[in-house]
Every structure is written in structure tokens, then in C-alpha cells.
Amino acid sequence: MTSQTLVSLKGVEKRYLLGEVEVPALKSIDLEIALGEFTALIGVSGSGKSTLLNLIGSIDVPDKGKIVFDGQDISALSEVELSHLRNRKIGFIFQSFNLIPVLTAAENIELPLLMQPELSPAERSERVQTALQDVGILDHQNHLPDRLSGGQRQRVAIARALVTRPKLILADEPTANLDSKTAHKIIDLLLDLNRKKNVTFFFCSHDEKLIGRVGRVLHISDGMIS
């Protein structure tokens, strides 16, 4: 593991309005994520996990504080620049898979590459094939999502996150919709990809059973990390 900092948060706060009441979602978060880390953020529903992932992934912006990603202050970037950052440096994995039902596994994986016009069709195809092989579902590339098991659909989602060759993959409850055996296989896969490709993983979960499987565990409660 390298000590190079990939993501740095200083004094980050986020608040939401619930009717006329201001609700603090995150309270003065200080956090550094090193390149190559495999980190789990553990907390119950409503603790601020997803809010923190959205801020790190530049989907949302903090009300206060500073986020630096790969040497760039996210708050200083335009929406176009943020989109470029997300598409090329950050991969996302969601608990509900978010696959498009009318597209095959390969077509779902190719989607983020369509936002990179500098890639030729041949380059896109090569990347998709590599990603399919990396997650062990090359034989299922022409299957629609409804012909895949939950574990296979999550592998497609992981391949889609990998295909842009990002520096960071953010996973929001990636095992929540899977049975225990399949969940551990998915964590095995993520750990293997972390080691082989030195991709940084930061995922949130409420599953305490997964704590022993990761390199670093952070706990979040009431918008504060411990």
C-alpha cells in the first residue's frame, strides 16, 4: 500500500432541510484515503454513509469544508470538470445494481465508455472484454440482467465501475441485496481486484460481519466518524 493521499476531507459538513428544520448529515469530517486502500465505512441507516460517499464521488458538494481528490480541490471545479472527473477517475457500485434491463451485460458495462469520445469502438470492446474477464462473467456477456443471478448482476456492476480504469471505486451497500455466501464472494472479488489492480475501494455497509474482511474500518454515527 502506498502512503500517497488520493482523497482528503477537511472540516466537511453537510446539512439538509427537512421541512423548515435544518438537519446536520455530516459534522466536521476530517478524513484521508490513501491510494490503494480498501476501506469500509460502517454505520446504521441514516448515519451519514451515503451522504459521505456522494460528497467523495463529487455527486454532491459540502456546505462547509474542503475536499481534495487526486490533487484537485473539488469545490474549485465546474460541473463539466466534475463530470469529467467522475467518468474517468471514479467508479460507482450500487446495492440495487442499476443495470439497464434491455441491455446485455457487455452493453451495460460499455455505457460509461460512451462518454469518452477519444476511445474507438475497438478500444471500448477490448476494455469491456477485459472487465468481464476480471470479474469472472465472460461467458455471460450476452445475457440480459433478468437472466443473471444477484451475484452475477453485481459482478456486471463491478465490471462497469472498473471499465473506465478509475483510481477510486465507491460502493454503496454492495452486498445488501445478496445472501451471506454470495456477499462474501463479492468481497473476495473486490479484495482481489484491489490487490491486482491497486484500485482504491471505499464502501459503506451496515453489515458488521464484513468488518474482518477489509484493510481499514471506519465507524460513522450521527454524522461523525470514529
Protein backbone atom coordinates (compact mmCIF):
# COMPACT_ATOMS: atom_id res chain seq x y z
CA MET A 1 0.00 0.00 0.00
CA THR A 2 1.29 3.45 -0.86
CA SER A 3 1.08 6.40 1.50
CA GLN A 4 0.10 8.75 -1.32
CA THR A 5 -3.14 10.52 -0.41
CA LEU A 6 -5.89 10.13 -3.01
CA VAL A 7 -8.76 11.84 -1.17
CA SER A 8 -8.59 14.37 1.63
CA LEU A 9 -11.52 15.89 3.54
CA LYS A 10 -11.02 18.78 5.95
CA GLY A 11 -13.83 20.07 8.16
CA VAL A 12 -16.52 18.80 5.79
CA GLU A 13 -20.11 19.46 6.82
CA LYS A 14 -23.41 18.77 5.07
CA ARG A 15 -26.91 19.82 6.11
CA TYR A 16 -30.35 19.12 4.67
CA LEU A 17 -33.67 20.84 5.15
CA LEU A 18 -36.48 18.64 6.47
CA GLY A 19 -39.44 20.95 6.08
CA GLU A 20 -38.29 24.05 7.92
CA VAL A 21 -35.86 22.18 10.13
CA GLU A 22 -32.15 22.03 9.24
CA VAL A 23 -30.77 18.54 9.82
CA PRO A 24 -26.98 18.01 10.03
CA ALA A 25 -26.00 14.96 7.96
CA LEU A 26 -22.22 15.27 8.39
CA LYS A 27 -20.40 17.16 11.15
CA SER A 28 -16.85 18.43 10.65
CA ILE A 29 -15.47 15.34 8.89
CA ASP A 30 -11.68 15.01 8.60
CA LEU A 31 -10.61 12.01 6.52
CA GLU A 32 -7.76 10.88 4.30
CA ILE A 33 -7.93 7.92 1.92
CA ALA A 34 -4.61 6.65 0.59
CA LEU A 35 -4.10 5.30 -2.92
CA GLY A 36 -4.60 1.53 -2.85
CA GLU A 37 -6.63 1.40 0.37
CA PHE A 38 -9.54 -0.97 0.93
CA THR A 39 -11.74 0.81 3.46
CA ALA A 40 -15.19 0.10 4.85
CA LEU A 41 -17.44 2.73 6.39
CA ILE A 42 -19.78 1.02 8.84
CA GLY A 43 -22.92 2.62 10.21
CA VAL A 44 -26.65 2.20 10.62
CA SER A 45 -29.19 3.64 8.22
CA GLY A 46 -29.30 7.42 8.49
CA SER A 47 -25.81 7.74 9.98
CA GLY A 48 -24.45 9.71 7.02
CA LYS A 49 -22.78 6.92 5.00
CA SER A 50 -24.39 7.63 1.64
CA THR A 51 -24.02 11.39 2.08
CA LEU A 52 -20.28 10.98 2.61
CA LEU A 53 -19.96 8.72 -0.46
CA ASN A 54 -21.85 11.25 -2.58
CA LEU A 55 -19.51 14.04 -1.48
CA ILE A 56 -16.35 12.00 -2.15
CA GLY A 57 -17.78 10.99 -5.53
CA SER A 58 -18.46 14.67 -6.38
CA ILE A 59 -22.17 13.90 -6.85
CA ASP A 60 -22.90 16.45 -4.14
CA VAL A 61 -20.94 19.35 -2.64
CA PRO A 62 -20.29 20.15 1.04
CA ASP A 63 -21.83 23.13 2.81
CA LYS A 64 -18.57 23.70 4.60
CA GLY A 65 -15.02 22.36 4.40
CA LYS A 66 -12.76 21.19 1.61
CA ILE A 67 -12.45 18.01 -0.45
CA VAL A 68 -9.31 17.37 -2.46
CA PHE A 69 -9.36 14.47 -4.95
CA ASP A 70 -6.13 13.40 -6.66
CA GLY A 71 -4.62 16.81 -6.00
CA GLN A 72 -7.64 18.82 -7.19
CA ASP A 73 -9.91 20.87 -4.95
CA ILE A 74 -13.35 19.58 -5.98
CA SER A 75 -15.06 22.83 -4.92
CA ALA A 76 -12.99 24.72 -7.49
CA LEU A 77 -14.19 22.59 -10.42
CA SER A 78 -17.05 23.40 -12.80
CA GLU A 79 -19.90 20.94 -13.35
CA VAL A 80 -18.31 19.90 -16.65
CA GLU A 81 -14.99 19.29 -14.90
CA LEU A 82 -16.73 17.33 -12.13
CA SER A 83 -18.46 15.14 -14.73
CA HIS A 84 -15.11 14.52 -16.40
CA LEU A 85 -13.60 13.59 -13.02
CA ARG A 86 -16.42 11.17 -12.20
CA ASN A 87 -16.29 9.48 -15.60
CA ARG A 88 -12.54 8.93 -15.68
CA LYS A 89 -11.34 8.65 -12.10
CA ILE A 90 -14.27 7.33 -10.03
CA GLY A 91 -16.29 4.14 -10.38
CA PHE A 92 -19.62 3.58 -8.62
CA ILE A 93 -21.24 0.35 -7.40
CA PHE A 94 -24.81 0.46 -6.09
CA GLN A 95 -26.71 -2.01 -3.91
CA SER A 96 -29.57 -2.22 -6.45
CA PHE A 97 -27.08 -2.85 -9.31
CA ASN A 98 -28.66 -0.08 -11.51
CA LEU A 99 -28.39 -2.16 -14.67
CA ILE A 100 -30.46 -1.26 -17.74
CA PRO A 101 -32.76 -4.25 -18.30
CA VAL A 102 -32.87 -4.06 -22.12
CA LEU A 103 -29.07 -4.09 -22.45
CA THR A 104 -26.82 -7.15 -22.24
CA ALA A 105 -24.15 -7.47 -19.59
CA ALA A 106 -21.50 -6.29 -22.08
CA GLU A 107 -23.62 -3.34 -23.20
CA ASN A 108 -24.24 -2.27 -19.59
CA ILE A 109 -20.51 -2.37 -18.91
CA GLU A 110 -19.73 -0.33 -22.04
CA LEU A 111 -22.08 2.54 -21.09
CA PRO A 112 -19.60 4.77 -19.21
CA LEU A 113 -17.10 4.42 -22.06
CA LEU A 114 -19.58 6.04 -24.45
CA MET A 115 -18.86 9.30 -22.59
CA GLN A 116 -15.21 9.09 -23.65
CA PRO A 117 -15.27 10.02 -27.37
CA GLU A 118 -11.50 9.60 -27.67
CA LEU A 119 -11.94 5.81 -27.41
CA SER A 120 -12.51 3.88 -30.63
CA PRO A 121 -15.13 1.10 -30.80
CA ALA A 122 -12.28 -1.44 -30.82
CA GLU A 123 -10.77 0.09 -27.66
CA ARG A 124 -14.17 0.08 -25.94
CA SER A 125 -14.69 -3.57 -26.86
CA GLU A 126 -11.24 -4.53 -25.55
CA ARG A 127 -11.89 -2.79 -22.24
CA VAL A 128 -15.28 -4.46 -21.86
CA GLN A 129 -13.83 -7.90 -22.55
CA THR A 130 -11.06 -7.31 -20.00
CA ALA A 131 -13.56 -6.15 -17.37
CA LEU A 132 -15.81 -9.16 -18.00
CA GLN A 133 -12.81 -11.45 -17.56
CA ASP A 134 -11.65 -9.62 -14.42
CA VAL A 135 -14.96 -10.31 -12.66
CA GLY A 136 -15.38 -13.84 -14.00
CA ILE A 137 -18.50 -13.48 -16.16
CA LEU A 138 -17.09 -13.57 -19.69
CA ASP A 139 -19.47 -16.42 -20.55
CA HIS A 140 -22.48 -14.28 -19.57
CA GLN A 141 -21.66 -11.19 -21.61
CA ASN A 142 -24.66 -11.55 -23.93
CA HIS A 143 -27.19 -12.20 -21.15
CA LEU A 144 -29.78 -9.63 -20.16
CA PRO A 145 -29.87 -8.75 -16.42
CA ASP A 146 -33.05 -10.77 -15.77
CA ARG A 147 -31.17 -13.92 -16.84
CA LEU A 148 -28.45 -13.34 -14.25
CA SER A 149 -28.37 -14.16 -10.54
CA GLY A 150 -27.98 -11.41 -7.96
CA GLY A 151 -24.29 -12.18 -7.61
CA GLN A 152 -23.77 -12.13 -11.38
CA ARG A 153 -25.60 -8.81 -11.69
CA GLN A 154 -23.36 -7.32 -9.02
CA ARG A 155 -20.33 -8.59 -10.95
CA VAL A 156 -21.63 -6.76 -14.01
CA ALA A 157 -21.98 -3.63 -11.88
CA ILE A 158 -18.40 -4.06 -10.62
CA ALA A 159 -17.13 -4.53 -14.18
CA ARG A 160 -18.96 -1.35 -15.24
CA ALA A 161 -17.19 0.50 -12.40
CA LEU A 162 -13.82 -0.95 -13.45
CA VAL A 163 -14.06 -0.38 -17.18
CA THR A 164 -13.07 3.31 -17.07
CA ARG A 165 -9.91 2.31 -15.15
CA PRO A 166 -10.67 4.60 -12.21
CA LYS A 167 -8.40 5.44 -9.29
CA LEU A 168 -11.27 5.07 -6.78
CA ILE A 169 -14.32 2.85 -6.64
CA LEU A 170 -17.13 3.86 -4.30
CA ALA A 171 -19.59 1.15 -3.32
CA ASP A 172 -22.86 1.91 -1.53
CA GLU A 173 -24.00 -1.21 0.36
CA PRO A 174 -22.66 -3.53 -2.38
CA THR A 175 -23.72 -6.71 -0.56
CA ALA A 176 -27.06 -5.56 0.88
CA ASN A 177 -29.20 -7.42 -1.68
CA LEU A 178 -27.15 -10.62 -1.59
CA ASP A 179 -27.25 -13.71 0.61
CA SER A 180 -24.36 -14.18 3.04
CA LYS A 181 -22.43 -16.69 0.89
CA THR A 182 -22.69 -14.54 -2.25
CA ALA A 183 -21.83 -11.41 -0.25
CA HIS A 184 -18.54 -12.93 0.89
CA LYS A 185 -17.73 -13.99 -2.69
CA ILE A 186 -18.28 -10.40 -3.85
CA ILE A 187 -15.99 -9.09 -1.09
CA ASP A 188 -13.40 -11.71 -2.15
CA LEU A 189 -13.64 -10.36 -5.70
CA LEU A 190 -13.27 -6.73 -4.60
CA LEU A 191 -10.25 -7.59 -2.44
CA ASP A 192 -8.65 -9.48 -5.34
CA LEU A 193 -9.19 -6.52 -7.69
CA ASN A 194 -7.78 -4.18 -5.05
CA ARG A 195 -4.59 -6.24 -4.80
CA LYS A 196 -4.10 -6.94 -8.51
CA LYS A 197 -5.01 -3.52 -9.92
CA ASN A 198 -4.19 -1.28 -6.94
CA VAL A 199 -7.65 0.29 -7.29
CA THR A 200 -8.71 2.14 -4.15
CA PHE A 201 -12.03 0.92 -2.70
CA PHE A 202 -14.20 2.85 -0.26
CA PHE A 203 -17.51 1.22 0.53
CA CYS A 204 -20.24 1.73 3.08
CA SER A 205 -22.17 -1.04 4.77
CA HIS A 206 -24.28 -1.76 7.82
CA ASP A 207 -23.06 -5.38 7.80
CA GLU A 208 -20.77 -5.84 10.80
CA LYS A 209 -19.84 -9.34 9.55
CA LEU A 210 -17.73 -7.79 6.80
CA ILE A 211 -15.50 -5.82 9.18
CA GLY A 212 -12.89 -8.57 9.42
CA ARG A 213 -12.57 -8.74 5.63
CA VAL A 214 -11.24 -5.26 4.97
CA GLY A 215 -7.98 -3.41 5.47
CA ARG A 216 -9.42 -0.44 7.35
CA VAL A 217 -12.72 0.10 9.12
CA LEU A 218 -14.30 3.44 9.93
CA HIS A 219 -17.45 3.83 12.01
CA ILE A 220 -19.91 6.64 11.40
CA SER A 221 -22.67 7.64 13.79
CA ASP A 222 -24.82 10.78 13.79
CA GLY A 223 -22.68 12.27 11.01
CA MET A 224 -19.36 11.83 12.82
CA ILE A 225 -16.57 9.36 12.09
CA SER A 226 -14.84 7.43 14.87
